[in-house]
Amino acid sequence: MLPAPIERALGALASQLPDLRRAQSGGASLEVALGRVERPEMASADVIEGSHLRAIAVSLPAGPTVRAFLDGIQESREVAWIGTVPVVLGRVAAVVRERDGASLRTWESPLRREALYAPWARLPRRVRALVEEFGPEAREVSTDDGGHPLRAMQDATNAVKQDREALERTLAEQYCGAGPGPLYVDGPLPPGDAVLGSDQVVGVIKSHQTMYVSGPALETVLALAEGERTTAFLIESRHRPPVASWYLRVRATVGHGPFWGLVRIEVPRWVFEDGGPAVADERSQWVLAERAPLALPDGRWDTMAYGVRSCEEYLRAVMG
């Protein structure tokens, strides 16, 4: 069942566009169905803790320090075709879940966005106007697909992803600006003055499509034992100021491959420069302290904090 504004807009389009075809709403999301995986790559990064990358044992944490967790979710589904142009329903949401004793509660309000994504510029102007007349936002999809419909659909899911990241960035800025306590961000640190100006935020990356090491340094990372971290290095990007980062093994790899229980941590550059190795040890303890309770039954439980799973479960319930 589609949301009412979407259903009304598609009905209006169908009444005026004889070449519009509705798509079944069931089945897998486009994120799953298209199945495009980013090509793994190696990137260079300068070591900023000592002269070379090495392993360092981190003492066990006394208890949880993180106050709140931030995560977002997205879902894209094809809902119609206008000739050869796909129309995609994209839904995104983000939330901060904050500790309240032994449980978690939602901080402020979650952010949500719902829109119809398509390369509207390819269609008559009245088509987009008709969609927006009935309520849904019509988001333009830029695509260089040369007319390939599947590429247009993939570009639509990328646009949905960008909107999810924008919601996460907004919430991160709001929470860090309010300053209530340490924030655990699922994924890279978002850009923004409040986030990158805070000494109370840590980004935890669970996937490793890009490895910031090679050669002997890569061997060092993959050989990390439980509770060991690497020395810190600097990650530079066109999209945000540089951040300090390091790898941390949160669970033993016995019976598993070398990426089991491996995360990469990010903190604002100035935080590491001010605090040095002690900051890397302390932030690693923040993350190690979140190994329990387990984030089961999620298949990513070896690297996922329970607080992040709570965010995802809450958002799935909100989005329905």
C-alpha atoms as a PDB file:
ATOM      1  CA  MET A   1       0.000   0.000   0.000  1.00  0.00           C
ATOM      2  CA  LEU A   2       1.497   3.312  -1.095  1.00  0.00           C
ATOM      3  CA  PRO A   3       1.120   6.497   0.974  1.00  0.00           C
ATOM      4  CA  ALA A   4      -2.046   8.401   0.054  1.00  0.00           C
ATOM      5  CA  PRO A   5      -0.342  11.448  -1.550  1.00  0.00           C
ATOM      6  CA  ILE A   6       1.776   9.142  -3.725  1.00  0.00           C
ATOM      7  CA  GLU A   7      -1.261   7.108  -4.758  1.00  0.00           C
ATOM      8  CA  ARG A   8      -3.213  10.253  -5.674  1.00  0.00           C
ATOM      9  CA  ALA A   9      -0.335  11.656  -7.706  1.00  0.00           C
ATOM     10  CA  LEU A  10       0.177   8.435  -9.628  1.00  0.00           C
ATOM     11  CA  GLY A  11      -3.558   8.185 -10.288  1.00  0.00           C
ATOM     12  CA  ALA A  12      -3.593  11.696 -11.680  1.00  0.00           C
ATOM     13  CA  LEU A  13      -0.614  10.947 -13.893  1.00  0.00           C
ATOM     14  CA  ALA A  14      -2.208   7.751 -15.179  1.00  0.00           C
ATOM     15  CA  SER A  15      -5.360   9.646 -16.163  1.00  0.00           C
ATOM     16  CA  GLN A  16      -3.379  12.001 -18.394  1.00  0.00           C
ATOM     17  CA  LEU A  17      -0.441   9.903 -19.582  1.00  0.00           C
ATOM     18  CA  PRO A  18      -1.455   6.863 -21.643  1.00  0.00           C
ATOM     19  CA  ASP A  19       2.126   5.554 -21.618  1.00  0.00           C
ATOM     20  CA  LEU A  20       2.318   5.425 -17.801  1.00  0.00           C
ATOM     21  CA  ARG A  21       2.598   1.933 -16.365  1.00  0.00           C
ATOM     22  CA  ARG A  22       2.256   1.189 -12.680  1.00  0.00           C
ATOM     23  CA  ALA A  23       4.822  -1.100 -11.040  1.00  0.00           C
ATOM     24  CA  GLN A  24       4.052  -3.686  -8.385  1.00  0.00           C
ATOM     25  CA  SER A  25       4.873  -2.362  -4.922  1.00  0.00           C
ATOM     26  CA  GLY A  26       5.981  -5.721  -3.500  1.00  0.00           C
ATOM     27  CA  GLY A  27       9.373  -7.379  -3.740  1.00  0.00           C
ATOM     28  CA  ALA A  28      12.821  -6.236  -2.791  1.00  0.00           C
ATOM     29  CA  SER A  29      13.858  -2.602  -2.538  1.00  0.00           C
ATOM     30  CA  LEU A  30      16.045  -1.227  -5.315  1.00  0.00           C
ATOM     31  CA  GLU A  31      18.985  -1.147  -2.913  1.00  0.00           C
ATOM     32  CA  VAL A  32      18.703  -4.944  -2.824  1.00  0.00           C
ATOM     33  CA  ALA A  33      17.392  -5.642  -6.339  1.00  0.00           C
ATOM     34  CA  LEU A  34      20.003  -3.619  -8.231  1.00  0.00           C
ATOM     35  CA  GLY A  35      22.739  -5.044  -6.073  1.00  0.00           C
ATOM     36  CA  ARG A  36      25.507  -2.706  -7.179  1.00  0.00           C
ATOM     37  CA  VAL A  37      28.539  -2.956  -4.923  1.00  0.00           C
ATOM     38  CA  GLU A  38      31.190  -0.272  -4.841  1.00  0.00           C
ATOM     39  CA  ARG A  39      34.485  -1.460  -6.238  1.00  0.00           C
ATOM     40  CA  PRO A  40      36.937  -2.094  -3.373  1.00  0.00           C
ATOM     41  CA  GLU A  41      39.927   0.209  -3.514  1.00  0.00           C
ATOM     42  CA  MET A  42      43.065   1.209  -1.662  1.00  0.00           C
ATOM     43  CA  ALA A  43      43.718   4.816  -0.658  1.00  0.00           C
ATOM     44  CA  SER A  44      46.744   6.490   0.849  1.00  0.00           C
ATOM     45  CA  ALA A  45      46.733   8.200   4.242  1.00  0.00           C
ATOM     46  CA  ASP A  46      49.526   9.817   6.227  1.00  0.00           C
ATOM     47  CA  VAL A  47      50.300   8.377   9.661  1.00  0.00           C
ATOM     48  CA  ILE A  48      50.004  11.109  12.311  1.00  0.00           C
ATOM     49  CA  GLU A  49      50.848   8.998  15.373  1.00  0.00           C
ATOM     50  CA  GLY A  50      54.496   7.981  15.241  1.00  0.00           C
ATOM     51  CA  SER A  51      56.382   7.205  12.050  1.00  0.00           C
ATOM     52  CA  HIS A  52      54.580   4.098  10.801  1.00  0.00           C
ATOM     53  CA  LEU A  53      51.390   2.109  11.279  1.00  0.00           C
ATOM     54  CA  ARG A  54      51.576  -0.363  14.157  1.00  0.00           C
ATOM     55  CA  ALA A  55      49.272  -2.196  16.564  1.00  0.00           C
ATOM     56  CA  ILE A  56      48.558  -0.847  20.055  1.00  0.00           C
ATOM     57  CA  ALA A  57      46.709  -2.706  22.824  1.00  0.00           C
ATOM     58  CA  VAL A  58      43.811  -0.770  24.359  1.00  0.00           C
ATOM     59  CA  SER A  59      42.889  -1.387  28.000  1.00  0.00           C
ATOM     60  CA  LEU A  60      39.359  -2.648  28.636  1.00  0.00           C
ATOM     61  CA  PRO A  61      36.772   0.060  29.354  1.00  0.00           C
ATOM     62  CA  ALA A  62      35.255   0.418  32.795  1.00  0.00           C
ATOM     63  CA  GLY A  63      31.769   0.895  31.368  1.00  0.00           C
ATOM     64  CA  PRO A  64      29.747   2.753  28.711  1.00  0.00           C
ATOM     65  CA  THR A  65      30.580   6.393  28.051  1.00  0.00           C
ATOM     66  CA  VAL A  66      28.544   7.026  24.890  1.00  0.00           C
ATOM     67  CA  ARG A  67      25.339   8.898  25.614  1.00  0.00           C
ATOM     68  CA  ALA A  68      23.569   8.614  22.261  1.00  0.00           C
ATOM     69  CA  PHE A  69      23.611   6.868  18.874  1.00  0.00           C
ATOM     70  CA  LEU A  70      22.797   8.253  15.414  1.00  0.00           C
ATOM     71  CA  ASP A  71      21.799   6.280  12.336  1.00  0.00           C
ATOM     72  CA  GLY A  72      19.565   6.555   9.293  1.00  0.00           C
ATOM     73  CA  ILE A  73      17.804   4.217   6.872  1.00  0.00           C
ATOM     74  CA  GLN A  74      16.578   4.440   3.288  1.00  0.00           C
ATOM     75  CA  GLU A  75      14.294   2.534   0.953  1.00  0.00           C
ATOM     76  CA  SER A  76      13.809   2.975  -2.813  1.00  0.00           C
ATOM     77  CA  ARG A  77      11.127   1.271  -4.909  1.00  0.00           C
ATOM     78  CA  GLU A  78      10.042   1.622  -8.521  1.00  0.00           C
ATOM     79  CA  VAL A  79       6.395   2.664  -8.589  1.00  0.00           C
ATOM     80  CA  ALA A  80       5.805   3.609 -12.219  1.00  0.00           C
ATOM     81  CA  TRP A  81       7.231   4.022 -15.693  1.00  0.00           C
ATOM     82  CA  ILE A  82       6.443   6.917 -18.015  1.00  0.00           C
ATOM     83  CA  GLY A  83       7.513   5.491 -21.325  1.00  0.00           C
ATOM     84  CA  THR A  84      11.146   4.521 -20.689  1.00  0.00           C
ATOM     85  CA  VAL A  85      11.564   6.818 -17.673  1.00  0.00           C
ATOM     86  CA  PRO A  86      11.379   5.124 -14.240  1.00  0.00           C
ATOM     87  CA  VAL A  87       9.707   6.826 -11.283  1.00  0.00           C
ATOM     88  CA  VAL A  88      11.118   5.792  -7.902  1.00  0.00           C
ATOM     89  CA  LEU A  89       9.582   6.263  -4.470  1.00  0.00           C
ATOM     90  CA  GLY A  90      12.346   7.119  -2.020  1.00  0.00           C
ATOM     91  CA  ARG A  91      11.857   7.153   1.747  1.00  0.00           C
ATOM     92  CA  VAL A  92      14.563   8.169   4.206  1.00  0.00           C
ATOM     93  CA  ALA A  93      14.716   8.763   7.942  1.00  0.00           C
ATOM     94  CA  ALA A  94      17.277   9.412  10.663  1.00  0.00           C
ATOM     95  CA  VAL A  95      17.165   9.385  14.447  1.00  0.00           C
ATOM     96  CA  VAL A  96      19.236   9.884  17.570  1.00  0.00           C
ATOM     97  CA  ARG A  97      18.555   7.394  20.350  1.00  0.00           C
ATOM     98  CA  GLU A  98      19.754   8.515  23.768  1.00  0.00           C
ATOM     99  CA  ARG A  99      20.476   6.511  26.902  1.00  0.00           C
ATOM    100  CA  ASP A 100      17.878   6.729  29.623  1.00  0.00           C
ATOM    101  CA  GLY A 101      19.143   4.473  32.369  1.00  0.00           C
ATOM    102  CA  ALA A 102      19.283   0.935  30.994  1.00  0.00           C
ATOM    103  CA  SER A 103      17.036   1.731  28.013  1.00  0.00           C
ATOM    104  CA  LEU A 104      17.131   4.026  24.986  1.00  0.00           C
ATOM    105  CA  ARG A 105      14.720   6.814  24.104  1.00  0.00           C
ATOM    106  CA  THR A 106      14.383   9.033  21.062  1.00  0.00           C
ATOM    107  CA  TRP A 107      16.103  12.391  21.332  1.00  0.00           C
ATOM    108  CA  GLU A 108      13.969  15.247  20.010  1.00  0.00           C
ATOM    109  CA  SER A 109      12.169  14.029  16.868  1.00  0.00           C
ATOM    110  CA  PRO A 110      13.338  11.778  14.033  1.00  0.00           C
ATOM    111  CA  LEU A 111      13.720  13.359  10.603  1.00  0.00           C
ATOM    112  CA  ARG A 112      11.874  11.883   7.620  1.00  0.00           C
ATOM    113  CA  ARG A 113      11.589  12.591   3.904  1.00  0.00           C
ATOM    114  CA  GLU A 114       9.476  10.998   1.201  1.00  0.00           C
ATOM    115  CA  ALA A 115       9.570  11.894  -2.472  1.00  0.00           C
ATOM    116  CA  LEU A 116       9.197  10.662  -6.028  1.00  0.00           C
ATOM    117  CA  TYR A 117      12.580  10.566  -7.774  1.00  0.00           C
ATOM    118  CA  ALA A 118      12.940  10.681 -11.559  1.00  0.00           C
ATOM    119  CA  PRO A 119      14.801  12.509 -14.334  1.00  0.00           C
ATOM    120  CA  TRP A 120      11.816  14.859 -14.588  1.00  0.00           C
ATOM    121  CA  ALA A 121      13.685  17.126 -17.010  1.00  0.00           C
ATOM    122  CA  ARG A 122      13.218  14.440 -19.684  1.00  0.00           C
ATOM    123  CA  LEU A 123       9.450  14.692 -19.373  1.00  0.00           C
ATOM    124  CA  PRO A 124       7.005  17.485 -20.208  1.00  0.00           C
ATOM    125  CA  ARG A 125       7.031  20.181 -17.515  1.00  0.00           C
ATOM    126  CA  ARG A 126       3.364  19.564 -16.715  1.00  0.00           C
ATOM    127  CA  VAL A 127       4.218  16.055 -15.462  1.00  0.00           C
ATOM    128  CA  ARG A 128       6.309  17.269 -12.535  1.00  0.00           C
ATOM    129  CA  ALA A 129       3.826  20.036 -11.785  1.00  0.00           C
ATOM    130  CA  LEU A 130       0.990  17.517 -11.659  1.00  0.00           C
ATOM    131  CA  VAL A 131       2.898  15.316  -9.197  1.00  0.00           C
ATOM    132  CA  GLU A 132       3.584  18.197  -6.836  1.00  0.00           C
ATOM    133  CA  GLU A 133      -0.014  19.421  -7.101  1.00  0.00           C
ATOM    134  CA  PHE A 134      -1.078  16.250  -5.281  1.00  0.00           C
ATOM    135  CA  GLY A 135       1.431  16.559  -2.457  1.00  0.00           C
ATOM    136  CA  PRO A 136       4.547  14.461  -3.064  1.00  0.00           C
ATOM    137  CA  GLU A 137       7.868  16.198  -3.534  1.00  0.00           C
ATOM    138  CA  ALA A 138       9.312  15.544  -7.000  1.00  0.00           C
ATOM    139  CA  ARG A 139      13.085  15.194  -6.715  1.00  0.00           C
ATOM    140  CA  GLU A 140      15.151  15.618  -9.853  1.00  0.00           C
ATOM    141  CA  VAL A 141      17.586  12.808 -10.660  1.00  0.00           C
ATOM    142  CA  SER A 142      20.691  13.746 -12.613  1.00  0.00           C
ATOM    143  CA  THR A 143      21.801  10.851 -14.778  1.00  0.00           C
ATOM    144  CA  ASP A 144      24.327  10.338 -17.557  1.00  0.00           C
ATOM    145  CA  ASP A 145      22.890   6.945 -18.383  1.00  0.00           C
ATOM    146  CA  GLY A 146      22.654   7.493 -22.137  1.00  0.00           C
ATOM    147  CA  GLY A 147      19.064   6.327 -21.898  1.00  0.00           C
ATOM    148  CA  HIS A 148      19.634   3.076 -19.991  1.00  0.00           C
ATOM    149  CA  PRO A 149      16.663   2.748 -17.592  1.00  0.00           C
ATOM    150  CA  LEU A 150      18.537   0.648 -15.027  1.00  0.00           C
ATOM    151  CA  ARG A 151      21.211   3.311 -14.731  1.00  0.00           C
ATOM    152  CA  ALA A 152      18.499   5.914 -14.169  1.00  0.00           C
ATOM    153  CA  MET A 153      17.086   3.742 -11.379  1.00  0.00           C
ATOM    154  CA  GLN A 154      20.530   3.374  -9.823  1.00  0.00           C
ATOM    155  CA  ASP A 155      21.049   7.129  -9.979  1.00  0.00           C
ATOM    156  CA  ALA A 156      17.694   7.548  -8.253  1.00  0.00           C
ATOM    157  CA  THR A 157      18.793   5.301  -5.375  1.00  0.00           C
ATOM    158  CA  ASN A 158      22.002   7.335  -5.126  1.00  0.00           C
ATOM    159  CA  ALA A 159      19.907  10.496  -4.846  1.00  0.00           C
ATOM    160  CA  VAL A 160      17.893   8.845  -2.081  1.00  0.00           C
ATOM    161  CA  LYS A 161      21.159   7.977  -0.314  1.00  0.00           C
ATOM    162  CA  GLN A 162      22.285  11.593  -0.508  1.00  0.00           C
ATOM    163  CA  ASP A 163      19.017  12.703   1.077  1.00  0.00           C
ATOM    164  CA  ARG A 164      19.488  10.158   3.895  1.00  0.00           C
ATOM    165  CA  GLU A 165      22.994  11.455   4.522  1.00  0.00           C
ATOM    166  CA  ALA A 166      21.638  15.004   4.615  1.00  0.00           C
ATOM    167  CA  LEU A 167      19.175  14.055   7.366  1.00  0.00           C
ATOM    168  CA  GLU A 168      21.941  12.348   9.335  1.00  0.00           C
ATOM    169  CA  ARG A 169      24.135  15.421   8.960  1.00  0.00           C
ATOM    170  CA  THR A 170      21.345  17.697  10.198  1.00  0.00           C
ATOM    171  CA  LEU A 171      20.699  15.562  13.287  1.00  0.00           C
ATOM    172  CA  ALA A 172      24.419  15.264  14.033  1.00  0.00           C
ATOM    173  CA  GLU A 173      24.769  19.041  13.867  1.00  0.00           C
ATOM    174  CA  GLN A 174      21.765  19.543  16.135  1.00  0.00           C
ATOM    175  CA  TYR A 175      22.926  17.041  18.740  1.00  0.00           C
ATOM    176  CA  CYS A 176      26.541  18.185  18.789  1.00  0.00           C
ATOM    177  CA  GLY A 177      25.368  21.790  18.925  1.00  0.00           C
ATOM    178  CA  ALA A 178      23.221  21.013  21.961  1.00  0.00           C
ATOM    179  CA  GLY A 179      26.217  19.282  23.564  1.00  0.00           C
ATOM    180  CA  PRO A 180      24.477  16.763  25.851  1.00  0.00           C
ATOM    181  CA  GLY A 181      27.239  14.149  25.682  1.00  0.00           C
ATOM    182  CA  PRO A 182      29.267  11.686  23.583  1.00  0.00           C
ATOM    183  CA  LEU A 183      27.571  10.767  20.289  1.00  0.00           C
ATOM    184  CA  TYR A 184      28.246   7.505  18.414  1.00  0.00           C
ATOM    185  CA  VAL A 185      27.668   8.049  14.671  1.00  0.00           C
ATOM    186  CA  ASP A 186      27.154   4.938  12.565  1.00  0.00           C
ATOM    187  CA  GLY A 187      29.427   5.667   9.619  1.00  0.00           C
ATOM    188  CA  PRO A 188      31.836   8.458   8.713  1.00  0.00           C
ATOM    189  CA  LEU A 189      31.636  11.783  10.523  1.00  0.00           C
ATOM    190  CA  PRO A 190      29.312  14.141   8.633  1.00  0.00           C
ATOM    191  CA  PRO A 191      30.688  17.546   7.643  1.00  0.00           C
ATOM    192  CA  GLY A 192      29.521  20.550   9.634  1.00  0.00           C
ATOM    193  CA  ASP A 193      30.943  23.049  12.090  1.00  0.00           C
ATOM    194  CA  ALA A 194      29.144  21.647  15.140  1.00  0.00           C
ATOM    195  CA  VAL A 195      30.200  18.045  14.412  1.00  0.00           C
ATOM    196  CA  LEU A 196      33.811  18.707  13.444  1.00  0.00           C
ATOM    197  CA  GLY A 197      34.094  21.276  16.224  1.00  0.00           C
ATOM    198  CA  SER A 198      33.006  18.777  18.892  1.00  0.00           C
ATOM    199  CA  ASP A 199      35.230  16.650  21.106  1.00  0.00           C
ATOM    200  CA  GLN A 200      32.212  14.506  21.993  1.00  0.00           C
ATOM    201  CA  VAL A 201      31.606  12.685  18.704  1.00  0.00           C
ATOM    202  CA  VAL A 202      32.993   9.518  17.170  1.00  0.00           C
ATOM    203  CA  GLY A 203      32.284   7.975  13.780  1.00  0.00           C
ATOM    204  CA  VAL A 204      32.381   4.179  13.511  1.00  0.00           C
ATOM    205  CA  ILE A 205      32.683   2.646  10.030  1.00  0.00           C
ATOM    206  CA  LYS A 206      31.737  -1.028   9.687  1.00  0.00           C
ATOM    207  CA  SER A 207      32.436  -1.585   5.969  1.00  0.00           C
ATOM    208  CA  HIS A 208      35.839  -1.483   4.320  1.00  0.00           C
ATOM    209  CA  GLN A 209      35.305  -0.922   0.602  1.00  0.00           C
ATOM    210  CA  THR A 210      38.130   1.608   0.871  1.00  0.00           C
ATOM    211  CA  MET A 211      41.208   0.563   2.817  1.00  0.00           C
ATOM    212  CA  TYR A 212      43.531   3.369   3.868  1.00  0.00           C
ATOM    213  CA  VAL A 213      46.552   1.087   4.115  1.00  0.00           C
ATOM    214  CA  SER A 214      48.567  -1.152   1.814  1.00  0.00           C
ATOM    215  CA  GLY A 215      51.500  -3.544   1.903  1.00  0.00           C
ATOM    216  CA  PRO A 216      52.891  -4.263   5.394  1.00  0.00           C
ATOM    217  CA  ALA A 217      50.438  -1.767   6.919  1.00  0.00           C
ATOM    218  CA  LEU A 218      47.516  -3.764   5.507  1.00  0.00           C
ATOM    219  CA  GLU A 219      48.962  -6.904   7.076  1.00  0.00           C
ATOM    220  CA  THR A 220      49.142  -5.059  10.405  1.00  0.00           C
ATOM    221  CA  VAL A 221      45.472  -4.068  10.202  1.00  0.00           C
ATOM    222  CA  LEU A 222      44.199  -7.515   9.273  1.00  0.00           C
ATOM    223  CA  ALA A 223      46.315  -9.133  11.989  1.00  0.00           C
ATOM    224  CA  LEU A 224      44.948  -6.926  14.808  1.00  0.00           C
ATOM    225  CA  ALA A 225      43.920  -8.899  17.876  1.00  0.00           C
ATOM    226  CA  GLU A 226      40.749  -8.214  19.853  1.00  0.00           C
ATOM    227  CA  GLY A 227      41.131  -4.936  21.730  1.00  0.00           C
ATOM    228  CA  GLU A 228      44.008  -3.684  19.561  1.00  0.00           C
ATOM    229  CA  ARG A 229      43.993  -0.532  17.466  1.00  0.00           C
ATOM    230  CA  THR A 230      46.362   0.878  14.892  1.00  0.00           C
ATOM    231  CA  THR A 231      48.168   4.146  15.202  1.00  0.00           C
ATOM    232  CA  ALA A 232      46.187   7.092  13.814  1.00  0.00           C
ATOM    233  CA  PHE A 233      46.317   8.418  10.264  1.00  0.00           C
ATOM    234  CA  LEU A 234      44.813  11.380   8.432  1.00  0.00           C
ATOM    235  CA  ILE A 235      41.933  11.022   5.960  1.00  0.00           C
ATOM    236  CA  GLU A 236      41.478  13.866   3.510  1.00  0.00           C
ATOM    237  CA  SER A 237      38.413  14.395   1.334  1.00  0.00           C
ATOM    238  CA  ARG A 238      36.950  16.948  -1.057  1.00  0.00           C
ATOM    239  CA  HIS A 239      33.670  16.862   0.867  1.00  0.00           C
ATOM    240  CA  ARG A 240      34.830  17.799   4.367  1.00  0.00           C
ATOM    241  CA  PRO A 241      37.917  18.876   6.355  1.00  0.00           C
ATOM    242  CA  PRO A 242      40.479  16.139   7.216  1.00  0.00           C
ATOM    243  CA  VAL A 243      39.717  13.776  10.101  1.00  0.00           C
ATOM    244  CA  ALA A 244      41.896  11.536  12.254  1.00  0.00           C
ATOM    245  CA  SER A 245      41.197   7.822  11.925  1.00  0.00           C
ATOM    246  CA  TRP A 246      42.427   4.395  13.019  1.00  0.00           C
ATOM    247  CA  TYR A 247      41.383   0.730  12.839  1.00  0.00           C
ATOM    248  CA  LEU A 248      40.129  -1.177  15.887  1.00  0.00           C
ATOM    249  CA  ARG A 249      39.391  -4.865  16.396  1.00  0.00           C
ATOM    250  CA  VAL A 250      36.315  -5.199  18.602  1.00  0.00           C
ATOM    251  CA  ARG A 251      35.965  -9.001  18.470  1.00  0.00           C
ATOM    252  CA  ALA A 252      38.351 -11.928  18.131  1.00  0.00           C
ATOM    253  CA  THR A 253      38.633 -13.449  14.657  1.00  0.00           C
ATOM    254  CA  VAL A 254      38.798 -17.091  15.776  1.00  0.00           C
ATOM    255  CA  GLY A 255      36.783 -19.058  13.217  1.00  0.00           C
ATOM    256  CA  HIS A 256      36.261 -15.985  11.029  1.00  0.00           C
ATOM    257  CA  GLY A 257      37.998 -13.994   8.304  1.00  0.00           C
ATOM    258  CA  PRO A 258      40.284 -10.997   8.895  1.00  0.00           C
ATOM    259  CA  PHE A 259      37.501  -8.417   8.548  1.00  0.00           C
ATOM    260  CA  TRP A 260      35.431  -9.944  11.359  1.00  0.00           C
ATOM    261  CA  GLY A 261      34.990  -7.455  14.185  1.00  0.00           C
ATOM    262  CA  LEU A 262      37.065  -4.803  12.406  1.00  0.00           C
ATOM    263  CA  VAL A 263      35.916  -1.179  12.471  1.00  0.00           C
ATOM    264  CA  ARG A 264      37.472   2.123  11.546  1.00  0.00           C
ATOM    265  CA  ILE A 265      37.084   5.076  13.886  1.00  0.00           C
ATOM    266  CA  GLU A 266      37.000   8.776  12.994  1.00  0.00           C
ATOM    267  CA  VAL A 267      37.328  11.845  15.213  1.00  0.00           C
ATOM    268  CA  PRO A 268      37.798  15.504  14.280  1.00  0.00           C
ATOM    269  CA  ARG A 269      41.443  16.175  13.427  1.00  0.00           C
ATOM    270  CA  TRP A 270      41.932  18.824  16.091  1.00  0.00           C
ATOM    271  CA  VAL A 271      40.665  16.483  18.811  1.00  0.00           C
ATOM    272  CA  PHE A 272      43.440  13.999  18.102  1.00  0.00           C
ATOM    273  CA  GLU A 273      46.043  16.734  17.671  1.00  0.00           C
ATOM    274  CA  ASP A 274      45.105  18.187  21.066  1.00  0.00           C
ATOM    275  CA  GLY A 275      44.899  14.868  22.933  1.00  0.00           C
ATOM    276  CA  GLY A 276      47.250  12.589  21.015  1.00  0.00           C
ATOM    277  CA  PRO A 277      47.357   8.823  21.633  1.00  0.00           C
ATOM    278  CA  ALA A 278      45.314   9.174  24.835  1.00  0.00           C
ATOM    279  CA  VAL A 279      42.350  10.352  22.752  1.00  0.00           C
ATOM    280  CA  ALA A 280      42.639   7.386  20.383  1.00  0.00           C
ATOM    281  CA  ASP A 281      42.757   5.016  23.364  1.00  0.00           C
ATOM    282  CA  GLU A 282      39.769   6.654  25.054  1.00  0.00           C
ATOM    283  CA  ARG A 283      37.590   6.752  21.926  1.00  0.00           C
ATOM    284  CA  SER A 284      38.491   3.113  21.258  1.00  0.00           C
ATOM    285  CA  GLN A 285      37.273   2.311  24.778  1.00  0.00           C
ATOM    286  CA  TRP A 286      33.990   4.085  23.987  1.00  0.00           C
ATOM    287  CA  VAL A 287      33.484   1.697  21.077  1.00  0.00           C
ATOM    288  CA  LEU A 288      34.688  -1.426  22.897  1.00  0.00           C
ATOM    289  CA  ALA A 289      32.237  -0.723  25.702  1.00  0.00           C
ATOM    290  CA  GLU A 290      29.346  -1.066  23.209  1.00  0.00           C
ATOM    291  CA  ARG A 291      30.072  -4.726  22.408  1.00  0.00           C
ATOM    292  CA  ALA A 292      27.321  -5.744  24.833  1.00  0.00           C
ATOM    293  CA  PRO A 293      24.468  -6.307  24.637  1.00  0.00           C
ATOM    294  CA  LEU A 294      24.886  -8.056  21.292  1.00  0.00           C
ATOM    295  CA  ALA A 295      23.074  -6.566  18.303  1.00  0.00           C
ATOM    296  CA  LEU A 296      21.557  -9.938  17.429  1.00  0.00           C
ATOM    297  CA  PRO A 297      19.821 -11.145  15.331  1.00  0.00           C
ATOM    298  CA  ASP A 298      21.370  -8.617  12.923  1.00  0.00           C
ATOM    299  CA  GLY A 299      23.949 -10.333  10.722  1.00  0.00           C
ATOM    300  CA  ARG A 300      26.343  -7.417  11.290  1.00  0.00           C
ATOM    301  CA  TRP A 301      26.441  -7.941  15.063  1.00  0.00           C
ATOM    302  CA  ASP A 302      30.211  -8.403  15.086  1.00  0.00           C
ATOM    303  CA  THR A 303      30.676  -4.688  14.325  1.00  0.00           C
ATOM    304  CA  MET A 304      27.274  -3.169  15.134  1.00  0.00           C
ATOM    305  CA  ALA A 305      26.546  -1.518  18.457  1.00  0.00           C
ATOM    306  CA  TYR A 306      23.221  -2.393  20.071  1.00  0.00           C
ATOM    307  CA  GLY A 307      22.377   1.325  20.153  1.00  0.00           C
ATOM    308  CA  VAL A 308      22.706   1.505  16.364  1.00  0.00           C
ATOM    309  CA  ARG A 309      20.425  -1.512  15.967  1.00  0.00           C
ATOM    310  CA  SER A 310      17.915   0.257  18.231  1.00  0.00           C
ATOM    311  CA  CYS A 311      17.996   3.231  15.852  1.00  0.00           C
ATOM    312  CA  GLU A 312      17.319   1.019  12.837  1.00  0.00           C
ATOM    313  CA  GLU A 313      14.489  -0.896  14.519  1.00  0.00           C
ATOM    314  CA  TYR A 314      12.843   2.352  15.618  1.00  0.00           C
ATOM    315  CA  LEU A 315      13.096   3.851  12.132  1.00  0.00           C
ATOM    316  CA  ARG A 316      11.654   0.762  10.443  1.00  0.00           C
ATOM    317  CA  ALA A 317       8.675   0.984  12.773  1.00  0.00           C
ATOM    318  CA  VAL A 318       8.246   4.704  12.052  1.00  0.00           C
ATOM    319  CA  MET A 319       8.447   4.254   8.285  1.00  0.00           C
ATOM    320  CA  GLY A 320       6.091   1.246   8.360  1.00  0.00           C
END
